[in-house]
Amino acid sequence: MIIENNPKELAAMKEFHKGNRSEGLKLQEEFAAQFREEYKDKDHCPCKKACRYHGNCKECVAIHRAHQEHVPNCMRPMLNKKLRLLSELTEHTLANEIEPPKEVLRKDL
């Protein structure tokens, strides 16, 4: 089962956008049920960083919400994709103004 860009969840969102909430909820629950079954005994976390909270989304997200400095590693690709689209509006010149912290520059993450 794939999580990112899952076809069933994408179909659910299409239904929500069309105003068909009941079909969207049905598809979303099918995705969630499949996820629960598929990952009940295996790791679903895409994060490569060794962390005490690896795979424990509830606590990980709570920690990030609490300190509000950055988002969990697993959400960065999704957010970067959205930010990249916005950055196109200024021909990505924002990239010239950003110096990522040393931790982000490591390739082993």
N, C-alpha and C. Protein backbone atom coordinates (compact mmCIF):
# COMPACT_ATOMS: atom_id res chain seq x y z
N MET A 1 0.84 -1.19 0.00
CA MET A 1 0.00 0.00 0.00
C MET A 1 0.87 1.24 0.00
N ILE A 2 0.56 2.18 -0.85
CA ILE A 2 1.25 3.46 -0.81
C ILE A 2 0.41 4.44 0.01
N ILE A 3 1.08 5.34 0.69
CA ILE A 3 0.37 6.35 1.47
C ILE A 3 0.34 7.66 0.69
N GLU A 4 1.52 8.17 0.33
CA GLU A 4 1.57 9.43 -0.40
C GLU A 4 0.88 9.27 -1.76
N ASN A 5 0.00 10.20 -2.07
CA ASN A 5 -0.75 10.20 -3.33
C ASN A 5 -1.53 8.90 -3.54
N ASN A 6 -2.09 8.37 -2.47
CA ASN A 6 -2.87 7.14 -2.56
C ASN A 6 -4.10 7.38 -3.45
N PRO A 7 -4.32 6.52 -4.45
CA PRO A 7 -5.44 6.73 -5.39
C PRO A 7 -6.82 6.80 -4.71
N LYS A 8 -7.04 5.98 -3.70
CA LYS A 8 -8.34 6.00 -3.02
C LYS A 8 -8.54 7.31 -2.28
N GLU A 9 -7.51 7.79 -1.63
CA GLU A 9 -7.63 9.05 -0.89
C GLU A 9 -7.72 10.23 -1.85
N LEU A 10 -7.03 10.16 -2.99
CA LEU A 10 -7.17 11.22 -4.00
C LEU A 10 -8.60 11.25 -4.54
N ALA A 11 -9.20 10.07 -4.74
CA ALA A 11 -10.59 9.99 -5.20
C ALA A 11 -11.53 10.56 -4.13
N ALA A 12 -11.22 10.29 -2.86
CA ALA A 12 -12.04 10.83 -1.77
C ALA A 12 -12.02 12.36 -1.81
N MET A 13 -10.84 12.93 -2.00
CA MET A 13 -10.73 14.39 -2.03
C MET A 13 -11.49 14.97 -3.22
N LYS A 14 -11.48 14.29 -4.36
CA LYS A 14 -12.26 14.75 -5.52
C LYS A 14 -13.73 14.81 -5.17
N GLU A 15 -14.22 13.78 -4.46
CA GLU A 15 -15.62 13.76 -4.06
C GLU A 15 -15.93 14.89 -3.09
N PHE A 16 -15.05 15.14 -2.13
CA PHE A 16 -15.25 16.25 -1.20
C PHE A 16 -15.34 17.57 -1.97
N HIS A 17 -14.43 17.77 -2.93
CA HIS A 17 -14.41 19.02 -3.70
C HIS A 17 -15.66 19.18 -4.55
N LYS A 18 -16.24 18.09 -4.97
CA LYS A 18 -17.49 18.14 -5.74
C LYS A 18 -18.70 18.34 -4.84
N GLY A 19 -18.48 18.32 -3.53
CA GLY A 19 -19.58 18.49 -2.59
C GLY A 19 -20.25 17.18 -2.19
N ASN A 20 -19.67 16.07 -2.62
CA ASN A 20 -20.23 14.76 -2.31
C ASN A 20 -19.56 14.21 -1.05
N ARG A 21 -19.94 14.78 0.07
CA ARG A 21 -19.30 14.45 1.35
C ARG A 21 -19.46 12.98 1.73
N SER A 22 -20.63 12.42 1.52
CA SER A 22 -20.85 11.03 1.95
C SER A 22 -19.94 10.06 1.17
N GLU A 23 -19.79 10.27 -0.13
CA GLU A 23 -18.89 9.40 -0.91
C GLU A 23 -17.43 9.64 -0.51
N GLY A 24 -17.08 10.90 -0.26
CA GLY A 24 -15.73 11.21 0.19
C GLY A 24 -15.41 10.52 1.50
N LEU A 25 -16.34 10.57 2.44
CA LEU A 25 -16.13 9.92 3.74
C LEU A 25 -16.04 8.40 3.58
N LYS A 26 -16.83 7.84 2.71
CA LYS A 26 -16.80 6.39 2.47
C LYS A 26 -15.43 5.97 1.94
N LEU A 27 -14.94 6.70 0.93
CA LEU A 27 -13.63 6.38 0.35
C LEU A 27 -12.52 6.60 1.37
N GLN A 28 -12.64 7.66 2.16
CA GLN A 28 -11.63 7.95 3.17
C GLN A 28 -11.57 6.84 4.21
N GLU A 29 -12.71 6.35 4.63
CA GLU A 29 -12.73 5.26 5.61
C GLU A 29 -12.16 3.98 5.00
N GLU A 30 -12.40 3.74 3.72
CA GLU A 30 -11.81 2.58 3.05
C GLU A 30 -10.28 2.68 3.07
N PHE A 31 -9.77 3.88 2.80
CA PHE A 31 -8.32 4.11 2.87
C PHE A 31 -7.81 3.85 4.28
N ALA A 32 -8.49 4.43 5.29
CA ALA A 32 -8.06 4.28 6.68
C ALA A 32 -8.10 2.82 7.12
N ALA A 33 -9.14 2.10 6.71
CA ALA A 33 -9.25 0.68 7.07
C ALA A 33 -8.12 -0.12 6.44
N GLN A 34 -7.83 0.17 5.18
CA GLN A 34 -6.74 -0.52 4.50
C GLN A 34 -5.40 -0.19 5.18
N PHE A 35 -5.23 1.07 5.55
CA PHE A 35 -4.01 1.49 6.25
C PHE A 35 -3.87 0.74 7.58
N ARG A 36 -4.95 0.72 8.36
CA ARG A 36 -4.89 0.03 9.66
C ARG A 36 -4.50 -1.43 9.48
N GLU A 37 -5.06 -2.10 8.52
CA GLU A 37 -4.76 -3.51 8.28
C GLU A 37 -3.32 -3.71 7.80
N GLU A 38 -2.94 -2.92 6.82
CA GLU A 38 -1.61 -3.07 6.21
C GLU A 38 -0.48 -2.77 7.19
N TYR A 39 -0.67 -1.75 8.03
CA TYR A 39 0.42 -1.29 8.88
C TYR A 39 0.24 -1.63 10.35
N LYS A 40 -0.63 -2.57 10.68
CA LYS A 40 -0.81 -2.90 12.10
C LYS A 40 0.44 -3.52 12.70
N ASP A 41 1.26 -4.16 11.89
CA ASP A 41 2.46 -4.83 12.40
C ASP A 41 3.75 -4.39 11.71
N LYS A 42 3.70 -3.30 10.96
CA LYS A 42 4.94 -2.85 10.32
C LYS A 42 5.04 -1.33 10.32
N ASP A 43 6.22 -0.86 10.04
CA ASP A 43 6.54 0.56 10.11
C ASP A 43 5.95 1.31 8.91
N HIS A 44 5.28 2.40 9.17
CA HIS A 44 4.71 3.23 8.12
C HIS A 44 5.41 4.58 8.01
N CYS A 45 6.30 4.87 8.93
CA CYS A 45 6.92 6.19 9.00
C CYS A 45 8.03 6.34 7.97
N PRO A 46 7.95 7.35 7.08
CA PRO A 46 8.98 7.53 6.06
C PRO A 46 10.21 8.28 6.57
N CYS A 47 10.16 8.75 7.79
CA CYS A 47 11.26 9.54 8.34
C CYS A 47 12.52 8.68 8.46
N LYS A 48 13.63 9.22 7.99
CA LYS A 48 14.90 8.51 8.04
C LYS A 48 15.72 8.88 9.28
N LYS A 49 15.23 9.85 10.04
CA LYS A 49 15.96 10.33 11.20
C LYS A 49 15.69 9.43 12.40
N ALA A 50 16.74 9.02 13.08
CA ALA A 50 16.58 8.22 14.30
C ALA A 50 15.92 9.11 15.35
N CYS A 51 14.78 8.68 15.83
CA CYS A 51 14.01 9.52 16.73
C CYS A 51 13.21 8.64 17.68
N ARG A 52 13.10 9.04 18.89
CA ARG A 52 12.33 8.29 19.89
C ARG A 52 10.87 8.16 19.49
N TYR A 53 10.36 9.09 18.68
CA TYR A 53 8.94 9.12 18.32
C TYR A 53 8.67 8.55 16.93
N HIS A 54 9.66 7.90 16.34
CA HIS A 54 9.51 7.32 14.99
C HIS A 54 8.29 6.40 14.96
N GLY A 55 7.37 6.68 14.04
CA GLY A 55 6.18 5.86 13.89
C GLY A 55 5.05 6.21 14.84
N ASN A 56 5.29 7.10 15.77
CA ASN A 56 4.26 7.49 16.73
C ASN A 56 3.77 8.89 16.33
N CYS A 57 2.95 8.94 15.29
CA CYS A 57 2.51 10.21 14.71
C CYS A 57 1.82 11.12 15.72
N LYS A 58 1.02 10.53 16.57
CA LYS A 58 0.26 11.33 17.52
C LYS A 58 1.18 12.16 18.42
N GLU A 59 2.17 11.53 18.99
CA GLU A 59 3.10 12.26 19.87
C GLU A 59 4.02 13.17 19.07
N CYS A 60 4.48 12.69 17.91
CA CYS A 60 5.37 13.50 17.06
C CYS A 60 4.70 14.81 16.66
N VAL A 61 3.49 14.72 16.16
CA VAL A 61 2.77 15.92 15.73
C VAL A 61 2.48 16.83 16.92
N ALA A 62 2.13 16.25 18.07
CA ALA A 62 1.88 17.07 19.27
C ALA A 62 3.13 17.85 19.66
N ILE A 63 4.28 17.22 19.59
CA ILE A 63 5.54 17.89 19.93
C ILE A 63 5.79 19.06 18.98
N HIS A 64 5.60 18.82 17.68
CA HIS A 64 5.83 19.88 16.68
C HIS A 64 4.81 21.01 16.83
N ARG A 65 3.56 20.66 17.15
CA ARG A 65 2.56 21.69 17.39
C ARG A 65 2.93 22.51 18.62
N ALA A 66 3.50 21.86 19.62
CA ALA A 66 3.85 22.54 20.86
C ALA A 66 5.00 23.52 20.69
N HIS A 67 6.07 23.10 20.01
CA HIS A 67 7.21 24.03 19.89
C HIS A 67 7.09 24.97 18.71
N GLN A 68 6.32 24.63 17.69
CA GLN A 68 5.99 25.49 16.56
C GLN A 68 7.20 26.07 15.82
N GLU A 69 8.30 25.34 15.79
CA GLU A 69 9.47 25.83 15.06
C GLU A 69 9.58 25.25 13.66
N HIS A 70 9.12 24.03 13.46
CA HIS A 70 9.19 23.40 12.15
C HIS A 70 8.18 22.26 12.11
N VAL A 71 8.06 21.63 10.97
CA VAL A 71 7.08 20.53 10.82
C VAL A 71 7.81 19.19 10.86
N PRO A 72 7.08 18.12 11.14
CA PRO A 72 7.71 16.79 11.15
C PRO A 72 8.37 16.48 9.80
N ASN A 73 9.45 15.73 9.84
CA ASN A 73 10.20 15.39 8.63
C ASN A 73 9.31 14.74 7.57
N CYS A 74 8.36 13.93 7.98
CA CYS A 74 7.52 13.22 7.02
C CYS A 74 6.61 14.16 6.23
N MET A 75 6.36 15.35 6.74
CA MET A 75 5.48 16.30 6.05
C MET A 75 6.23 17.28 5.17
N ARG A 76 7.53 17.30 5.28
CA ARG A 76 8.32 18.27 4.52
C ARG A 76 8.21 18.11 3.02
N PRO A 77 8.29 16.90 2.45
CA PRO A 77 8.15 16.79 0.99
C PRO A 77 6.81 17.33 0.48
N MET A 78 5.74 17.07 1.18
CA MET A 78 4.42 17.56 0.78
C MET A 78 4.38 19.09 0.83
N LEU A 79 4.87 19.66 1.92
CA LEU A 79 4.87 21.12 2.04
C LEU A 79 5.81 21.77 1.04
N ASN A 80 6.98 21.16 0.83
CA ASN A 80 7.93 21.71 -0.14
C ASN A 80 7.34 21.73 -1.54
N LYS A 81 6.56 20.70 -1.87
CA LYS A 81 5.91 20.66 -3.19
C LYS A 81 4.96 21.85 -3.34
N LYS A 82 4.19 22.13 -2.30
CA LYS A 82 3.26 23.26 -2.33
C LYS A 82 4.01 24.60 -2.37
N LEU A 83 5.07 24.71 -1.57
CA LEU A 83 5.85 25.95 -1.54
C LEU A 83 6.57 26.19 -2.86
N ARG A 84 7.01 25.11 -3.51
CA ARG A 84 7.68 25.24 -4.80
C ARG A 84 6.74 25.90 -5.82
N LEU A 85 5.47 25.51 -5.79
CA LEU A 85 4.49 26.13 -6.70
C LEU A 85 4.36 27.63 -6.44
N LEU A 86 4.32 28.01 -5.17
CA LEU A 86 4.24 29.43 -4.83
C LEU A 86 5.52 30.16 -5.23
N SER A 87 6.65 29.50 -5.05
CA SER A 87 7.94 30.10 -5.36
C SER A 87 8.08 30.41 -6.86
N GLU A 88 7.35 29.67 -7.69
CA GLU A 88 7.39 29.93 -9.13
C GLU A 88 6.91 31.34 -9.46
N LEU A 89 6.07 31.91 -8.60
CA LEU A 89 5.54 33.25 -8.84
C LEU A 89 6.65 34.30 -8.86
N THR A 90 7.77 34.01 -8.19
CA THR A 90 8.89 34.96 -8.18
C THR A 90 10.14 34.33 -8.80
N GLU A 91 9.91 33.42 -9.75
CA GLU A 91 11.01 32.72 -10.43
C GLU A 91 11.99 32.10 -9.44
N HIS A 92 11.49 31.62 -8.34
CA HIS A 92 12.25 30.94 -7.29
C HIS A 92 13.37 31.80 -6.70
N THR A 93 13.25 33.12 -6.79
CA THR A 93 14.29 33.99 -6.24
C THR A 93 14.37 33.91 -4.72
N LEU A 94 13.33 33.42 -4.08
CA LEU A 94 13.37 33.24 -2.63
C LEU A 94 14.52 32.31 -2.23
N ALA A 95 14.83 31.37 -3.09
CA ALA A 95 15.92 30.42 -2.79
C ALA A 95 17.24 31.14 -2.56
N ASN A 96 17.42 32.29 -3.18
CA ASN A 96 18.66 33.06 -3.00
C ASN A 96 18.73 33.73 -1.63
N GLU A 97 17.60 33.80 -0.96
CA GLU A 97 17.54 34.47 0.34
C GLU A 97 17.53 33.52 1.51
N ILE A 98 17.57 32.20 1.24
CA ILE A 98 17.43 31.21 2.30
C ILE A 98 18.73 30.44 2.51
N GLU A 99 19.16 30.35 3.75
CA GLU A 99 20.29 29.51 4.11
C GLU A 99 19.77 28.49 5.12
N PRO A 100 19.63 27.23 4.70
CA PRO A 100 19.10 26.24 5.64
C PRO A 100 20.08 25.96 6.76
N PRO A 101 19.57 25.59 7.93
CA PRO A 101 20.47 25.23 9.04
C PRO A 101 21.29 24.00 8.70
N LYS A 102 22.40 23.84 9.36
CA LYS A 102 23.31 22.72 9.09
C LYS A 102 22.60 21.37 9.15
N GLU A 103 21.70 21.20 10.10
CA GLU A 103 21.00 19.93 10.25
C GLU A 103 20.27 19.54 8.97
N VAL A 104 19.67 20.49 8.30
CA VAL A 104 18.89 20.22 7.08
C VAL A 104 19.82 19.89 5.91
N LEU A 105 21.04 20.40 5.95
CA LEU A 105 21.98 20.18 4.84
C LEU A 105 22.54 18.76 4.79
N ARG A 106 22.42 18.03 5.89
CA ARG A 106 22.95 16.66 5.89
C ARG A 106 22.19 15.80 4.90
N LYS A 107 22.89 15.01 4.13
CA LYS A 107 22.26 14.16 3.11
C LYS A 107 21.82 12.82 3.68
N ASP A 108 22.20 12.49 4.90
CA ASP A 108 21.87 11.18 5.45
C ASP A 108 20.47 11.11 6.05
N LEU A 109 19.69 12.16 5.95
CA LEU A 109 18.32 12.14 6.51
C LEU A 109 17.36 11.49 5.54
